[in-house]
Structure formats: C-alpha cells, structure tokens
Amino acid sequence: MVRHARLHNGDMADSAHSPTSRPDSAGAYAEDLSLYRQKFHQRLPASLDELRGPVRGVVDLPLHVAWSGLTSYDLDKPRQRMGLYRTVLHEGLREDLTAFLNHDVLLELWPTLRRLVGRTVRTVWEEAFPQLAARGRAAA
C-alpha cells in the first residue's frame, strides 16, 4: 500500500518513495546490527572452559531456549547434537550456554557448526574466542 502525501507546492508524492519521509535505512540497519551483536556478546561466557554441559545422553532444553520444534535432544545422535548446539547458541542466555554446551564438543563441532549459525553469532563467538576462528580456518 502506497500512501500519498501532499507536498508544500500542492503536488502529491508517494510517501514510500519520498526522500523526506524515508528514514536513513543504512544507519538504522547498522544500529540494529550493533544491538543484535551486543545481545549475543553479553551472553558469552568469560572463557570456553566455563562450558561444562553434558557430552552424552538426552538433554531437555527449557522453553525459553527451545520455543519451537524439538525440546529434547539426544547428544549421542550427531544431527540432534548439532541441532542442540545451534539452538543454544542462538537462543540461550549465558547460564544456558554454560549448562548445555561443552567446551570440547563445541571445538569439535565448530568447523561445521559455524556454517549453520547466523553470521552475527559466528562473528561474535570467533572474535571472542580465537581458538574457534582457528578451527574454522583449519577446516576450510
């Protein structure tokens, strides 16, 4: 739906295309991206050593983390393990990251996992933990 606005000279202009009514989309996008990155950065543990989650068995994620789809993951099944890590990286709070992710498993999965998570998640984690970035480069 295109809205029309009357210009000072009486002409009609499409407000959707009018430079006077369009916000600075590049600036708004950059601000949104910065806030999005900040959200993930604030959730990071201080060290990968804090990630002491299980390495085997079935894990039930809370609904604030797994609010859609699977909520129970069998870590002995590679696809489910990868799914749990992807979900927790995207949706988990700091306490979820430390409770459900395991340092050694994350390092093992990272070369593949880094391609399955969003760019912002990947960038935030690799900037904070150079060993993840190194694993990603080594696998490339």
N, C-alpha and C. Protein backbone atom coordinates (compact mmCIF):
# COMPACT_ATOMS: atom_id res chain seq x y z
N MET A 1 0.84 -1.17 0.00
CA MET A 1 0.00 0.00 0.00
C MET A 1 0.89 1.23 0.00
N VAL A 2 0.66 2.11 -0.94
CA VAL A 2 1.45 3.33 -1.05
C VAL A 2 0.61 4.47 -0.52
N ARG A 3 1.16 5.22 0.38
CA ARG A 3 0.47 6.38 0.92
C ARG A 3 0.91 7.61 0.14
N HIS A 4 0.03 8.53 0.01
CA HIS A 4 0.35 9.76 -0.70
C HIS A 4 0.37 10.91 0.29
N ALA A 5 1.28 11.81 0.09
CA ALA A 5 1.38 12.99 0.93
C ALA A 5 1.35 14.21 0.03
N ARG A 6 0.68 15.24 0.49
CA ARG A 6 0.62 16.48 -0.28
C ARG A 6 1.87 17.30 0.04
N LEU A 7 2.60 17.66 -1.00
CA LEU A 7 3.79 18.47 -0.84
C LEU A 7 3.40 19.92 -0.61
N HIS A 8 4.35 20.72 -0.17
CA HIS A 8 4.08 22.13 0.09
C HIS A 8 3.57 22.86 -1.14
N ASN A 9 3.97 22.41 -2.32
CA ASN A 9 3.52 23.08 -3.54
C ASN A 9 2.20 22.51 -4.05
N GLY A 10 1.57 21.60 -3.32
CA GLY A 10 0.28 21.06 -3.70
C GLY A 10 0.35 19.75 -4.46
N ASP A 11 1.55 19.35 -4.95
CA ASP A 11 1.69 18.09 -5.66
C ASP A 11 1.57 16.92 -4.69
N MET A 12 1.24 15.76 -5.25
CA MET A 12 1.16 14.54 -4.44
C MET A 12 2.46 13.76 -4.62
N ALA A 13 2.94 13.18 -3.55
CA ALA A 13 4.14 12.35 -3.61
C ALA A 13 3.86 11.04 -2.89
N ASP A 14 4.46 9.97 -3.39
CA ASP A 14 4.35 8.69 -2.70
C ASP A 14 5.25 8.74 -1.47
N SER A 15 4.66 8.61 -0.30
CA SER A 15 5.47 8.70 0.91
C SER A 15 6.44 7.55 1.02
N ALA A 16 6.12 6.41 0.42
CA ALA A 16 7.04 5.27 0.48
C ALA A 16 8.31 5.55 -0.30
N HIS A 17 8.25 6.49 -1.23
CA HIS A 17 9.41 6.79 -2.07
C HIS A 17 9.94 8.19 -1.86
N SER A 18 9.34 8.93 -0.98
CA SER A 18 9.74 10.30 -0.75
C SER A 18 10.98 10.35 0.13
N PRO A 19 12.02 11.04 -0.32
CA PRO A 19 13.23 11.10 0.48
C PRO A 19 13.01 11.80 1.82
N THR A 20 12.00 12.65 1.91
CA THR A 20 11.77 13.34 3.16
C THR A 20 11.10 12.46 4.20
N SER A 21 10.44 11.38 3.77
CA SER A 21 9.75 10.54 4.73
C SER A 21 10.47 9.22 4.99
N ARG A 22 11.51 8.94 4.23
CA ARG A 22 12.22 7.67 4.38
C ARG A 22 13.35 7.85 5.40
N PRO A 23 13.38 7.01 6.43
CA PRO A 23 14.49 7.12 7.39
C PRO A 23 15.79 6.67 6.74
N ASP A 24 16.87 7.03 7.35
CA ASP A 24 18.18 6.61 6.88
C ASP A 24 18.29 5.11 7.10
N SER A 25 17.98 4.34 6.06
CA SER A 25 17.91 2.89 6.22
C SER A 25 19.28 2.28 6.51
N ALA A 26 20.35 2.82 5.95
CA ALA A 26 21.69 2.29 6.23
C ALA A 26 22.06 2.51 7.69
N GLY A 27 21.75 3.69 8.20
CA GLY A 27 22.04 4.00 9.60
C GLY A 27 21.21 3.15 10.55
N ALA A 28 19.94 2.98 10.21
CA ALA A 28 19.05 2.15 11.05
C ALA A 28 19.51 0.70 11.03
N TYR A 29 19.92 0.22 9.86
CA TYR A 29 20.40 -1.15 9.75
C TYR A 29 21.66 -1.35 10.59
N ALA A 30 22.58 -0.41 10.50
CA ALA A 30 23.83 -0.51 11.27
C ALA A 30 23.54 -0.50 12.77
N GLU A 31 22.60 0.33 13.19
CA GLU A 31 22.23 0.38 14.61
C GLU A 31 21.59 -0.93 15.05
N ASP A 32 20.70 -1.48 14.23
CA ASP A 32 20.07 -2.76 14.54
C ASP A 32 21.12 -3.87 14.64
N LEU A 33 22.05 -3.89 13.69
CA LEU A 33 23.10 -4.91 13.69
C LEU A 33 23.97 -4.78 14.93
N SER A 34 24.28 -3.56 15.32
CA SER A 34 25.09 -3.34 16.51
C SER A 34 24.37 -3.86 17.76
N LEU A 35 23.08 -3.58 17.88
CA LEU A 35 22.31 -4.07 19.02
C LEU A 35 22.22 -5.59 19.01
N TYR A 36 22.07 -6.17 17.84
CA TYR A 36 21.99 -7.63 17.69
C TYR A 36 23.30 -8.27 18.12
N ARG A 37 24.42 -7.71 17.68
CA ARG A 37 25.74 -8.21 18.07
C ARG A 37 25.94 -8.08 19.58
N GLN A 38 25.52 -6.95 20.12
CA GLN A 38 25.66 -6.70 21.55
C GLN A 38 24.87 -7.74 22.36
N LYS A 39 23.69 -8.09 21.89
CA LYS A 39 22.86 -9.10 22.57
C LYS A 39 23.63 -10.41 22.71
N PHE A 40 24.25 -10.86 21.64
CA PHE A 40 25.00 -12.12 21.68
C PHE A 40 26.28 -11.98 22.49
N HIS A 41 26.95 -10.84 22.37
CA HIS A 41 28.20 -10.64 23.09
C HIS A 41 27.98 -10.66 24.60
N GLN A 42 26.90 -10.07 25.08
CA GLN A 42 26.61 -10.03 26.51
C GLN A 42 26.35 -11.42 27.09
N ARG A 43 25.97 -12.35 26.26
CA ARG A 43 25.65 -13.70 26.72
C ARG A 43 26.88 -14.60 26.80
N LEU A 44 27.98 -14.18 26.22
CA LEU A 44 29.17 -15.03 26.14
C LEU A 44 29.74 -15.35 27.52
N PRO A 45 30.24 -16.56 27.69
CA PRO A 45 30.98 -16.86 28.91
C PRO A 45 32.34 -16.15 28.84
N ALA A 46 32.98 -15.98 29.99
CA ALA A 46 34.29 -15.34 30.02
C ALA A 46 35.34 -16.21 29.33
N SER A 47 35.13 -17.52 29.38
CA SER A 47 36.08 -18.47 28.82
C SER A 47 35.32 -19.69 28.31
N LEU A 48 35.87 -20.33 27.29
CA LEU A 48 35.25 -21.58 26.82
C LEU A 48 35.29 -22.66 27.89
N ASP A 49 36.21 -22.54 28.83
CA ASP A 49 36.30 -23.52 29.91
C ASP A 49 35.05 -23.52 30.79
N GLU A 50 34.27 -22.45 30.75
CA GLU A 50 33.02 -22.39 31.51
C GLU A 50 31.93 -23.27 30.91
N LEU A 51 32.13 -23.70 29.67
CA LEU A 51 31.13 -24.55 29.00
C LEU A 51 31.32 -25.98 29.49
N ARG A 52 30.50 -26.37 30.46
CA ARG A 52 30.66 -27.68 31.10
C ARG A 52 29.40 -28.52 30.96
N GLY A 53 28.71 -28.35 29.86
CA GLY A 53 27.49 -29.11 29.62
C GLY A 53 27.77 -30.57 29.36
N PRO A 54 26.71 -31.35 29.25
CA PRO A 54 26.86 -32.80 29.04
C PRO A 54 27.45 -33.12 27.67
N VAL A 55 28.05 -34.30 27.58
CA VAL A 55 28.60 -34.76 26.31
C VAL A 55 27.82 -35.96 25.77
N ARG A 56 27.01 -36.58 26.61
CA ARG A 56 26.22 -37.75 26.20
C ARG A 56 24.84 -37.67 26.83
N GLY A 57 23.96 -38.50 26.30
CA GLY A 57 22.63 -38.61 26.89
C GLY A 57 21.62 -37.67 26.28
N VAL A 58 20.45 -37.66 26.87
CA VAL A 58 19.34 -36.83 26.39
C VAL A 58 19.29 -35.55 27.21
N VAL A 59 19.17 -34.42 26.52
CA VAL A 59 19.10 -33.10 27.16
C VAL A 59 17.75 -32.48 26.83
N ASP A 60 17.07 -32.02 27.86
CA ASP A 60 15.80 -31.30 27.69
C ASP A 60 16.07 -29.82 27.87
N LEU A 61 15.85 -29.05 26.81
CA LEU A 61 16.07 -27.61 26.87
C LEU A 61 14.82 -26.92 27.42
N PRO A 62 15.00 -25.84 28.17
CA PRO A 62 13.85 -25.08 28.65
C PRO A 62 13.16 -24.37 27.48
N LEU A 63 11.90 -24.03 27.68
CA LEU A 63 11.11 -23.42 26.60
C LEU A 63 11.63 -22.05 26.17
N HIS A 64 12.30 -21.31 27.03
CA HIS A 64 12.82 -20.01 26.59
C HIS A 64 13.99 -20.18 25.62
N VAL A 65 14.55 -21.39 25.56
CA VAL A 65 15.63 -21.68 24.60
C VAL A 65 15.07 -22.39 23.38
N ALA A 66 14.34 -23.46 23.60
CA ALA A 66 13.77 -24.25 22.51
C ALA A 66 12.27 -24.00 22.47
N TRP A 67 11.88 -22.85 21.96
CA TRP A 67 10.48 -22.44 21.97
C TRP A 67 9.72 -22.94 20.75
N SER A 68 10.42 -23.54 19.81
CA SER A 68 9.77 -24.07 18.61
C SER A 68 10.52 -25.33 18.18
N GLY A 69 9.79 -26.35 17.80
CA GLY A 69 10.44 -27.57 17.35
C GLY A 69 10.84 -28.46 18.51
N LEU A 70 11.95 -29.17 18.33
CA LEU A 70 12.42 -30.09 19.36
C LEU A 70 12.77 -29.36 20.65
N THR A 71 12.48 -30.01 21.77
CA THR A 71 12.92 -29.50 23.06
C THR A 71 13.82 -30.51 23.76
N SER A 72 13.84 -31.74 23.26
CA SER A 72 14.65 -32.81 23.83
C SER A 72 15.61 -33.31 22.75
N TYR A 73 16.90 -33.37 23.10
CA TYR A 73 17.94 -33.72 22.13
C TYR A 73 18.78 -34.87 22.67
N ASP A 74 19.03 -35.85 21.82
CA ASP A 74 19.89 -36.98 22.17
C ASP A 74 21.30 -36.66 21.67
N LEU A 75 22.21 -36.38 22.58
CA LEU A 75 23.57 -36.00 22.21
C LEU A 75 24.36 -37.12 21.57
N ASP A 76 23.85 -38.34 21.66
CA ASP A 76 24.53 -39.47 21.02
C ASP A 76 24.17 -39.57 19.54
N LYS A 77 23.24 -38.74 19.09
CA LYS A 77 22.86 -38.68 17.67
C LYS A 77 23.45 -37.39 17.09
N PRO A 78 24.38 -37.51 16.15
CA PRO A 78 25.10 -36.34 15.64
C PRO A 78 24.21 -35.19 15.17
N ARG A 79 23.14 -35.47 14.45
CA ARG A 79 22.28 -34.38 13.96
C ARG A 79 21.57 -33.67 15.11
N GLN A 80 21.14 -34.43 16.10
CA GLN A 80 20.47 -33.81 17.24
C GLN A 80 21.47 -33.00 18.08
N ARG A 81 22.69 -33.52 18.22
CA ARG A 81 23.72 -32.78 18.95
C ARG A 81 24.00 -31.44 18.26
N MET A 82 24.12 -31.48 16.93
CA MET A 82 24.36 -30.26 16.17
C MET A 82 23.17 -29.30 16.31
N GLY A 83 21.96 -29.85 16.28
CA GLY A 83 20.76 -29.03 16.45
C GLY A 83 20.70 -28.36 17.81
N LEU A 84 21.05 -29.09 18.86
CA LEU A 84 21.07 -28.51 20.20
C LEU A 84 22.06 -27.36 20.26
N TYR A 85 23.26 -27.56 19.74
CA TYR A 85 24.28 -26.51 19.80
C TYR A 85 23.84 -25.27 19.01
N ARG A 86 23.27 -25.48 17.86
CA ARG A 86 22.79 -24.35 17.06
C ARG A 86 21.70 -23.59 17.81
N THR A 87 20.76 -24.32 18.39
CA THR A 87 19.65 -23.69 19.12
C THR A 87 20.16 -22.92 20.33
N VAL A 88 21.02 -23.53 21.11
CA VAL A 88 21.52 -22.88 22.33
C VAL A 88 22.37 -21.65 21.97
N LEU A 89 23.19 -21.73 20.93
CA LEU A 89 23.99 -20.58 20.53
C LEU A 89 23.11 -19.40 20.13
N HIS A 90 22.00 -19.67 19.47
CA HIS A 90 21.11 -18.60 19.02
C HIS A 90 20.18 -18.09 20.11
N GLU A 91 19.66 -18.99 20.93
CA GLU A 91 18.58 -18.62 21.84
C GLU A 91 18.96 -18.60 23.31
N GLY A 92 20.07 -19.24 23.66
CA GLY A 92 20.43 -19.39 25.06
C GLY A 92 20.97 -18.13 25.71
N LEU A 93 20.67 -18.00 27.00
CA LEU A 93 21.27 -16.96 27.83
C LEU A 93 22.61 -17.49 28.33
N ARG A 94 23.39 -16.65 29.00
CA ARG A 94 24.71 -17.08 29.46
C ARG A 94 24.64 -18.36 30.29
N GLU A 95 23.68 -18.44 31.21
CA GLU A 95 23.58 -19.64 32.05
C GLU A 95 23.19 -20.87 31.23
N ASP A 96 22.47 -20.68 30.13
CA ASP A 96 22.13 -21.80 29.25
C ASP A 96 23.37 -22.27 28.49
N LEU A 97 24.17 -21.32 28.04
CA LEU A 97 25.39 -21.67 27.32
C LEU A 97 26.30 -22.53 28.19
N THR A 98 26.47 -22.12 29.44
CA THR A 98 27.38 -22.87 30.31
C THR A 98 26.79 -24.20 30.77
N ALA A 99 25.47 -24.28 30.84
CA ALA A 99 24.82 -25.51 31.31
C ALA A 99 24.65 -26.55 30.21
N PHE A 100 24.45 -26.11 28.96
CA PHE A 100 24.10 -27.06 27.90
C PHE A 100 25.20 -27.29 26.87
N LEU A 101 26.18 -26.39 26.80
CA LEU A 101 27.28 -26.56 25.84
C LEU A 101 28.52 -27.07 26.57
N ASN A 102 29.29 -27.85 25.86
CA ASN A 102 30.53 -28.40 26.40
C ASN A 102 31.70 -27.89 25.56
N HIS A 103 32.73 -27.42 26.23
CA HIS A 103 33.91 -26.85 25.58
C HIS A 103 34.48 -27.76 24.50
N ASP A 104 34.74 -29.02 24.84
CA ASP A 104 35.36 -29.94 23.88
C ASP A 104 34.44 -30.26 22.71
N VAL A 105 33.15 -30.42 22.99
CA VAL A 105 32.19 -30.71 21.92
C VAL A 105 32.06 -29.51 21.00
N LEU A 106 32.01 -28.30 21.57
CA LEU A 106 31.92 -27.09 20.74
C LEU A 106 33.11 -26.99 19.81
N LEU A 107 34.31 -27.22 20.32
CA LEU A 107 35.50 -27.18 19.46
C LEU A 107 35.44 -28.23 18.36
N GLU A 108 34.96 -29.40 18.69
CA GLU A 108 34.83 -30.47 17.70
C GLU A 108 33.82 -30.12 16.61
N LEU A 109 32.69 -29.55 17.02
CA LEU A 109 31.61 -29.25 16.07
C LEU A 109 31.82 -27.96 15.30
N TRP A 110 32.66 -27.06 15.81
CA TRP A 110 32.71 -25.70 15.27
C TRP A 110 32.96 -25.61 13.76
N PRO A 111 33.87 -26.39 13.16
CA PRO A 111 34.08 -26.23 11.72
C PRO A 111 32.79 -26.39 10.89
N THR A 112 31.90 -27.25 11.31
CA THR A 112 30.61 -27.41 10.63
C THR A 112 29.58 -26.45 11.19
N LEU A 113 29.53 -26.34 12.50
CA LEU A 113 28.53 -25.52 13.18
C LEU A 113 28.61 -24.06 12.76
N ARG A 114 29.81 -23.56 12.53
CA ARG A 114 29.98 -22.15 12.16
C ARG A 114 29.26 -21.80 10.85
N ARG A 115 29.01 -22.82 10.02
CA ARG A 115 28.29 -22.58 8.76
C ARG A 115 26.78 -22.68 8.96
N LEU A 116 26.36 -23.22 10.10
CA LEU A 116 24.93 -23.41 10.36
C LEU A 116 24.33 -22.30 11.21
N VAL A 117 25.16 -21.56 11.91
CA VAL A 117 24.66 -20.46 12.72
C VAL A 117 24.68 -19.18 11.89
N GLY A 118 23.97 -18.19 12.35
CA GLY A 118 23.94 -16.91 11.66
C GLY A 118 25.30 -16.22 11.69
N ARG A 119 25.50 -15.33 10.75
CA ARG A 119 26.78 -14.61 10.64
C ARG A 119 27.12 -13.85 11.92
N THR A 120 26.12 -13.23 12.53
CA THR A 120 26.39 -12.46 13.74
C THR A 120 26.85 -13.37 14.87
N VAL A 121 26.18 -14.49 15.06
CA VAL A 121 26.58 -15.45 16.10
C VAL A 121 28.01 -15.92 15.84
N ARG A 122 28.29 -16.32 14.62
CA ARG A 122 29.63 -16.80 14.26
C ARG A 122 30.68 -15.73 14.53
N THR A 123 30.44 -14.52 14.09
CA THR A 123 31.41 -13.44 14.25
C THR A 123 31.66 -13.13 15.72
N VAL A 124 30.60 -13.02 16.50
CA VAL A 124 30.76 -12.71 17.93
C VAL A 124 31.57 -13.79 18.63
N TRP A 125 31.26 -15.05 18.38
CA TRP A 125 31.98 -16.14 19.03
C TRP A 125 33.42 -16.22 18.56
N GLU A 126 33.67 -16.05 17.27
CA GLU A 126 35.05 -16.16 16.77
C GLU A 126 35.91 -14.97 17.18
N GLU A 127 35.30 -13.80 17.33
CA GLU A 127 36.07 -12.65 17.82
C GLU A 127 36.42 -12.81 19.29
N ALA A 128 35.52 -13.38 20.06
CA ALA A 128 35.76 -13.55 21.50
C ALA A 128 36.70 -14.71 21.79
N PHE A 129 36.64 -15.73 20.95
CA PHE A 129 37.42 -16.95 21.20
C PHE A 129 38.21 -17.32 19.95
N PRO A 130 39.44 -16.82 19.84
CA PRO A 130 40.25 -17.05 18.65
C PRO A 130 40.45 -18.53 18.31
N GLN A 131 40.38 -19.41 19.31
CA GLN A 131 40.56 -20.83 19.03
C GLN A 131 39.42 -21.35 18.14
N LEU A 132 38.24 -20.76 18.24
CA LEU A 132 37.15 -21.15 17.34
C LEU A 132 37.44 -20.68 15.92
N ALA A 133 37.91 -19.45 15.79
CA ALA A 133 38.24 -18.93 14.46
C ALA A 133 39.34 -19.79 13.83
N ALA A 134 40.32 -20.19 14.62
CA ALA A 134 41.41 -21.02 14.10
C ALA A 134 40.88 -22.37 13.63
N ARG A 135 39.95 -22.95 14.37
CA ARG A 135 39.36 -24.24 13.96
C ARG A 135 38.58 -24.06 12.66
N GLY A 136 37.90 -22.95 12.52
CA GLY A 136 37.17 -22.69 11.29
C GLY A 136 38.09 -22.53 10.10
N ARG A 137 39.20 -21.82 10.29
CA ARG A 137 40.17 -21.63 9.19
C ARG A 137 40.85 -22.95 8.85
N ALA A 138 41.17 -23.74 9.86
CA ALA A 138 41.87 -25.01 9.62
C ALA A 138 41.01 -25.98 8.82
N ALA A 139 39.72 -25.91 9.01
CA ALA A 139 38.81 -26.83 8.31
C ALA A 139 38.49 -26.36 6.90
N ALA A 140 38.76 -25.10 6.61
CA ALA A 140 38.41 -24.54 5.29
C ALA A 140 39.35 -25.00 4.21
